[in-house]
């Protein structure tokens, strides 16, 4: 009687071990697991490298969007400047200190040390 109980207790363990040996310790299963580990961590096109490169792509796409909006702003300003003579004159006077004939321009420079003390 005692032996039957022991055999019944041991038997399920041996069946589970056989199942583990059959499926988990199979050479193909081990090979596939090793291959997946290699592809995720060690290969030069691994998941980690691809994830890092995708992050860089996102960063560059944001930069591209920024530069597109800046280009559109500058293009609109250029068209406005080229089509309007008074706008062109105003821009030249403000940025390049150009003047009309018989006109004097005074450039006032503020002393930064006095401004900082106040």
N, C-alpha and C. Protein backbone atom coordinates (compact mmCIF):
# COMPACT_ATOMS: atom_id res chain seq x y z
N UNK A 1 0.81 -1.19 0.00
CA UNK A 1 0.00 0.00 0.00
C UNK A 1 0.85 1.26 0.00
N UNK A 2 1.84 1.27 0.86
CA UNK A 2 2.70 2.43 0.93
C UNK A 2 3.42 2.64 -0.40
N UNK A 3 3.81 1.57 -1.02
CA UNK A 3 4.52 1.68 -2.29
C UNK A 3 3.64 2.26 -3.38
N UNK A 4 2.38 1.87 -3.39
CA UNK A 4 1.45 2.42 -4.38
C UNK A 4 1.30 3.93 -4.23
N UNK A 5 1.21 4.39 -2.98
CA UNK A 5 1.10 5.81 -2.75
C UNK A 5 2.36 6.54 -3.23
N UNK A 6 3.50 5.96 -2.94
CA UNK A 6 4.77 6.57 -3.36
C UNK A 6 4.87 6.58 -4.88
N UNK A 7 4.48 5.51 -5.50
CA UNK A 7 4.55 5.44 -6.96
C UNK A 7 3.61 6.46 -7.58
N UNK A 8 2.42 6.63 -7.01
CA UNK A 8 1.46 7.61 -7.53
C UNK A 8 1.98 9.03 -7.32
N UNK A 9 2.68 9.27 -6.22
CA UNK A 9 3.22 10.59 -5.97
C UNK A 9 4.40 10.89 -6.89
N UNK A 10 5.20 9.90 -7.15
CA UNK A 10 6.39 10.09 -7.98
C UNK A 10 6.02 10.13 -9.46
N UNK A 11 5.03 9.40 -9.84
CA UNK A 11 4.66 9.29 -11.24
C UNK A 11 4.30 10.64 -11.90
N UNK A 12 3.47 11.48 -11.28
CA UNK A 12 3.20 12.77 -11.94
C UNK A 12 4.46 13.62 -12.11
N UNK A 13 5.35 13.54 -11.16
CA UNK A 13 6.59 14.30 -11.28
C UNK A 13 7.40 13.81 -12.48
N UNK A 14 7.44 12.53 -12.66
CA UNK A 14 8.19 11.99 -13.79
C UNK A 14 7.50 12.32 -15.11
N UNK A 15 6.18 12.40 -15.12
CA UNK A 15 5.47 12.77 -16.34
C UNK A 15 5.73 14.24 -16.70
N UNK A 16 5.71 15.09 -15.69
CA UNK A 16 6.02 16.49 -15.97
C UNK A 16 7.46 16.65 -16.41
N UNK A 17 8.34 15.89 -15.83
CA UNK A 17 9.74 15.94 -16.25
C UNK A 17 9.86 15.48 -17.70
N UNK A 18 9.13 14.46 -18.07
CA UNK A 18 9.16 14.00 -19.46
C UNK A 18 8.63 15.07 -20.41
N UNK A 19 7.56 15.75 -19.98
CA UNK A 19 7.02 16.82 -20.82
C UNK A 19 8.02 17.96 -20.95
N UNK A 20 8.66 18.31 -19.84
CA UNK A 20 9.68 19.36 -19.87
C UNK A 20 10.83 18.95 -20.77
N UNK A 21 11.25 17.73 -20.62
CA UNK A 21 12.35 17.23 -21.44
C UNK A 21 11.95 17.19 -22.90
N UNK A 22 10.72 16.84 -23.16
CA UNK A 22 10.26 16.71 -24.55
C UNK A 22 10.14 18.07 -25.24
N UNK A 23 9.59 19.07 -24.53
CA UNK A 23 9.33 20.35 -25.19
C UNK A 23 10.33 21.46 -24.86
N UNK A 24 10.70 21.59 -23.61
CA UNK A 24 11.56 22.70 -23.21
C UNK A 24 13.03 22.40 -23.47
N UNK A 25 13.46 21.23 -23.18
CA UNK A 25 14.87 20.88 -23.36
C UNK A 25 15.15 20.31 -24.74
N UNK A 26 14.23 20.49 -25.63
CA UNK A 26 14.40 20.06 -27.00
C UNK A 26 15.48 20.92 -27.67
N UNK A 27 16.31 20.35 -28.52
CA UNK A 27 17.40 21.10 -29.13
C UNK A 27 16.89 22.23 -30.03
N UNK A 28 15.74 22.05 -30.63
CA UNK A 28 15.18 23.09 -31.49
C UNK A 28 14.65 24.26 -30.66
N UNK A 29 14.03 23.96 -29.55
CA UNK A 29 13.53 25.01 -28.68
C UNK A 29 14.69 25.83 -28.12
N UNK A 30 15.73 25.16 -27.69
CA UNK A 30 16.91 25.85 -27.17
C UNK A 30 17.54 26.71 -28.26
N UNK A 31 17.62 26.17 -29.48
CA UNK A 31 18.20 26.92 -30.60
C UNK A 31 17.38 28.17 -30.90
N UNK A 32 16.07 28.04 -30.92
CA UNK A 32 15.20 29.20 -31.20
C UNK A 32 15.35 30.24 -30.08
N UNK A 33 15.39 29.81 -28.83
CA UNK A 33 15.55 30.75 -27.71
C UNK A 33 16.89 31.49 -27.80
N UNK A 34 17.95 30.77 -28.08
CA UNK A 34 19.27 31.40 -28.23
C UNK A 34 19.27 32.39 -29.40
N UNK A 35 18.63 32.00 -30.49
CA UNK A 35 18.55 32.89 -31.65
C UNK A 35 17.80 34.17 -31.30
N UNK A 36 16.68 34.07 -30.60
CA UNK A 36 15.92 35.25 -30.19
C UNK A 36 16.72 36.15 -29.25
N UNK A 37 17.41 35.56 -28.31
CA UNK A 37 18.25 36.34 -27.39
C UNK A 37 19.34 37.05 -28.17
N UNK A 38 19.95 36.36 -29.12
CA UNK A 38 20.99 36.97 -29.95
C UNK A 38 20.43 38.15 -30.75
N UNK A 39 19.26 37.96 -31.35
CA UNK A 39 18.68 39.02 -32.18
C UNK A 39 18.25 40.23 -31.36
N UNK A 40 17.80 40.01 -30.14
CA UNK A 40 17.32 41.12 -29.32
C UNK A 40 18.48 41.91 -28.71
N UNK A 41 19.54 41.26 -28.29
CA UNK A 41 20.58 41.95 -27.53
C UNK A 41 21.91 42.13 -28.24
N UNK A 42 22.36 41.17 -29.03
CA UNK A 42 23.75 41.18 -29.47
C UNK A 42 23.96 41.52 -30.94
N UNK A 43 23.01 41.33 -31.80
CA UNK A 43 23.18 41.56 -33.22
C UNK A 43 23.30 43.06 -33.50
N UNK A 44 23.97 43.42 -34.60
CA UNK A 44 24.13 44.85 -34.89
C UNK A 44 22.81 45.49 -35.33
N UNK A 45 21.85 44.71 -35.72
CA UNK A 45 20.51 45.21 -36.02
C UNK A 45 19.54 44.73 -34.95
N UNK A 46 19.98 44.76 -33.71
CA UNK A 46 19.16 44.26 -32.61
C UNK A 46 17.99 45.20 -32.31
N UNK A 47 17.09 44.73 -31.52
CA UNK A 47 15.93 45.52 -31.13
C UNK A 47 16.36 46.80 -30.42
N UNK A 48 17.37 46.72 -29.60
CA UNK A 48 17.83 47.89 -28.85
C UNK A 48 18.39 48.96 -29.79
N UNK A 49 19.17 48.54 -30.79
CA UNK A 49 19.75 49.49 -31.75
C UNK A 49 18.65 50.12 -32.59
N UNK A 50 17.71 49.30 -33.04
CA UNK A 50 16.61 49.80 -33.86
C UNK A 50 15.77 50.79 -33.06
N UNK A 51 15.55 50.51 -31.79
CA UNK A 51 14.78 51.42 -30.94
C UNK A 51 15.50 52.76 -30.79
N UNK A 52 16.81 52.72 -30.62
CA UNK A 52 17.60 53.95 -30.51
C UNK A 52 17.55 54.75 -31.82
N UNK A 53 17.66 54.06 -32.95
CA UNK A 53 17.60 54.73 -34.25
C UNK A 53 16.23 55.34 -34.51
N UNK A 54 15.18 54.67 -34.07
CA UNK A 54 13.84 55.23 -34.21
C UNK A 54 13.70 56.51 -33.39
N UNK A 55 14.33 56.56 -32.22
CA UNK A 55 14.32 57.78 -31.42
C UNK A 55 15.01 58.92 -32.15
N UNK A 56 16.14 58.64 -32.81
CA UNK A 56 16.83 59.66 -33.57
C UNK A 56 15.99 60.14 -34.75
N UNK A 57 15.30 59.20 -35.40
CA UNK A 57 14.44 59.56 -36.52
C UNK A 57 13.34 60.51 -36.05
N UNK A 58 12.75 60.21 -34.91
CA UNK A 58 11.70 61.10 -34.36
C UNK A 58 12.26 62.49 -34.08
N UNK A 59 13.47 62.55 -33.53
CA UNK A 59 14.10 63.84 -33.24
C UNK A 59 14.33 64.63 -34.53
N UNK A 60 14.81 63.96 -35.58
CA UNK A 60 15.07 64.64 -36.84
C UNK A 60 13.78 65.04 -37.54
N UNK A 61 12.71 64.28 -37.37
CA UNK A 61 11.43 64.67 -37.94
C UNK A 61 10.89 65.92 -37.26
N UNK A 62 11.10 66.05 -35.95
CA UNK A 62 10.70 67.26 -35.25
C UNK A 62 11.50 68.46 -35.75
N UNK A 63 12.81 68.26 -35.95
CA UNK A 63 13.64 69.34 -36.49
C UNK A 63 13.18 69.73 -37.89
N UNK A 64 12.84 68.74 -38.70
CA UNK A 64 12.38 69.01 -40.05
C UNK A 64 11.10 69.84 -40.02
N UNK A 65 10.19 69.51 -39.14
CA UNK A 65 8.95 70.28 -39.01
C UNK A 65 9.25 71.72 -38.58
N UNK A 66 10.18 71.88 -37.64
CA UNK A 66 10.56 73.22 -37.19
C UNK A 66 11.13 74.03 -38.36
N UNK A 67 12.04 73.44 -39.13
CA UNK A 67 12.66 74.16 -40.23
C UNK A 67 11.66 74.46 -41.34
N UNK A 68 10.68 73.59 -41.53
CA UNK A 68 9.64 73.87 -42.53
C UNK A 68 8.83 75.09 -42.12
N UNK A 69 8.46 75.19 -40.86
CA UNK A 69 7.69 76.35 -40.42
C UNK A 69 8.53 77.62 -40.51
N UNK A 70 9.81 77.53 -40.16
CA UNK A 70 10.69 78.69 -40.27
C UNK A 70 10.84 79.11 -41.72
N UNK A 71 10.95 78.15 -42.61
CA UNK A 71 11.06 78.45 -44.04
C UNK A 71 9.81 79.17 -44.54
N UNK A 72 8.64 78.68 -44.12
CA UNK A 72 7.39 79.31 -44.54
C UNK A 72 7.30 80.76 -44.04
N UNK A 73 7.73 80.99 -42.79
CA UNK A 73 7.72 82.35 -42.25
C UNK A 73 8.66 83.25 -43.06
N UNK A 74 9.88 82.76 -43.30
CA UNK A 74 10.86 83.57 -44.03
C UNK A 74 10.44 83.80 -45.48
N UNK A 75 9.81 82.80 -46.08
CA UNK A 75 9.35 82.93 -47.46
C UNK A 75 8.24 83.99 -47.54
N UNK A 76 7.32 83.96 -46.58
CA UNK A 76 6.25 84.97 -46.57
C UNK A 76 6.84 86.36 -46.37
N UNK A 77 7.83 86.48 -45.48
CA UNK A 77 8.47 87.78 -45.24
C UNK A 77 9.20 88.25 -46.50
N UNK A 78 9.87 87.34 -47.18
CA UNK A 78 10.61 87.69 -48.42
C UNK A 78 9.64 88.19 -49.49
N UNK A 79 8.52 87.48 -49.65
CA UNK A 79 7.55 87.89 -50.67
C UNK A 79 6.97 89.27 -50.32
N UNK A 80 6.68 89.49 -49.04
CA UNK A 80 6.17 90.79 -48.61
C UNK A 80 7.20 91.88 -48.86
N UNK A 81 8.46 91.56 -48.61
CA UNK A 81 9.54 92.53 -48.78
C UNK A 81 9.75 92.86 -50.25
N UNK A 82 9.68 91.87 -51.12
CA UNK A 82 9.95 92.10 -52.55
C UNK A 82 8.78 92.78 -53.26
N UNK A 83 7.58 92.63 -52.74
CA UNK A 83 6.42 93.20 -53.42
C UNK A 83 6.06 94.61 -52.94
N UNK A 84 6.62 95.03 -51.82
CA UNK A 84 6.24 96.32 -51.25
C UNK A 84 7.50 97.18 -51.09
N UNK A 85 7.54 98.28 -51.84
CA UNK A 85 8.74 99.13 -51.82
C UNK A 85 8.93 99.80 -50.46
N UNK A 86 7.87 100.24 -49.83
CA UNK A 86 8.01 100.91 -48.53
C UNK A 86 8.48 99.93 -47.46
N UNK A 87 8.05 98.68 -47.57
CA UNK A 87 8.50 97.64 -46.62
C UNK A 87 9.99 97.37 -46.80
N UNK A 88 10.43 97.36 -48.05
CA UNK A 88 11.85 97.14 -48.34
C UNK A 88 12.69 98.29 -47.79
N UNK A 89 12.21 99.50 -47.97
CA UNK A 89 12.93 100.68 -47.46
C UNK A 89 12.99 100.64 -45.93
N UNK A 90 11.90 100.30 -45.31
CA UNK A 90 11.86 100.22 -43.84
C UNK A 90 12.86 99.17 -43.33
N UNK A 91 12.88 98.01 -43.97
CA UNK A 91 13.81 96.94 -43.56
C UNK A 91 15.27 97.39 -43.73
N UNK A 92 15.58 98.03 -44.85
CA UNK A 92 16.95 98.48 -45.10
C UNK A 92 17.36 99.55 -44.09
N UNK A 93 16.47 100.45 -43.76
CA UNK A 93 16.79 101.49 -42.78
C UNK A 93 17.02 100.89 -41.39
N UNK A 94 16.19 99.96 -40.99
CA UNK A 94 16.29 99.40 -39.64
C UNK A 94 17.49 98.47 -39.47
N UNK A 95 17.76 97.65 -40.45
CA UNK A 95 18.79 96.63 -40.28
C UNK A 95 20.16 97.00 -40.85
N UNK A 96 20.18 97.81 -41.89
CA UNK A 96 21.46 98.13 -42.53
C UNK A 96 21.81 99.61 -42.41
N UNK A 97 21.03 100.38 -41.66
CA UNK A 97 21.28 101.79 -41.41
C UNK A 97 21.47 102.59 -42.71
N UNK A 98 20.70 102.26 -43.71
CA UNK A 98 20.75 103.00 -44.96
C UNK A 98 19.95 104.29 -44.80
N UNK A 99 20.26 105.27 -45.68
CA UNK A 99 19.61 106.56 -45.55
C UNK A 99 19.31 107.13 -46.92
N UNK A 100 18.42 108.10 -46.92
CA UNK A 100 18.11 108.84 -48.14
C UNK A 100 19.18 109.91 -48.33
N UNK A 101 19.30 110.41 -49.54
CA UNK A 101 20.24 111.52 -49.73
C UNK A 101 19.82 112.74 -48.90
N UNK A 102 20.78 113.47 -48.43
CA UNK A 102 20.55 114.67 -47.60
C UNK A 102 19.86 114.33 -46.27
N UNK A 103 20.14 113.16 -45.74
CA UNK A 103 19.53 112.74 -44.48
C UNK A 103 20.64 112.29 -43.53
N UNK A 104 20.50 112.59 -42.27
CA UNK A 104 21.49 112.17 -41.29
C UNK A 104 20.87 111.13 -40.37
N UNK A 105 21.70 110.16 -39.97
CA UNK A 105 21.23 109.11 -39.07
C UNK A 105 22.08 109.17 -37.81
N UNK A 106 21.43 109.15 -36.68
CA UNK A 106 22.12 109.12 -35.40
C UNK A 106 21.86 107.77 -34.74
N UNK A 107 22.93 107.09 -34.38
CA UNK A 107 22.81 105.81 -33.70
C UNK A 107 23.12 106.03 -32.24
N UNK A 108 22.16 105.75 -31.39
CA UNK A 108 22.33 105.96 -29.96
C UNK A 108 22.74 104.63 -29.32
N UNK A 109 23.82 104.69 -28.56
CA UNK A 109 24.31 103.51 -27.87
C UNK A 109 24.07 103.71 -26.38
N UNK A 110 23.45 102.73 -25.75
CA UNK A 110 23.16 102.82 -24.33
C UNK A 110 24.32 102.19 -23.58
N UNK A 111 24.79 102.87 -22.54
CA UNK A 111 25.87 102.35 -21.71
C UNK A 111 25.31 101.22 -20.83
N UNK A 112 25.79 100.02 -21.02
CA UNK A 112 25.22 98.87 -20.33
C UNK A 112 25.56 98.87 -18.83
N UNK A 113 26.64 99.52 -18.42
CA UNK A 113 26.98 99.56 -17.00
C UNK A 113 25.99 100.41 -16.21
N UNK A 114 25.50 101.48 -16.82
CA UNK A 114 24.53 102.34 -16.14
C UNK A 114 23.16 101.68 -16.07
N UNK A 115 22.83 100.93 -17.09
CA UNK A 115 21.55 100.24 -17.12
C UNK A 115 21.53 99.12 -16.08
N UNK A 116 22.64 98.45 -15.91
CA UNK A 116 22.73 97.33 -14.97
C UNK A 116 22.62 97.81 -13.53
N UNK A 117 23.13 99.02 -13.22
CA UNK A 117 23.08 99.53 -11.85
C UNK A 117 21.66 99.91 -11.43
N UNK A 118 20.86 100.35 -12.37
CA UNK A 118 19.50 100.76 -12.04
C UNK A 118 18.68 99.53 -11.81
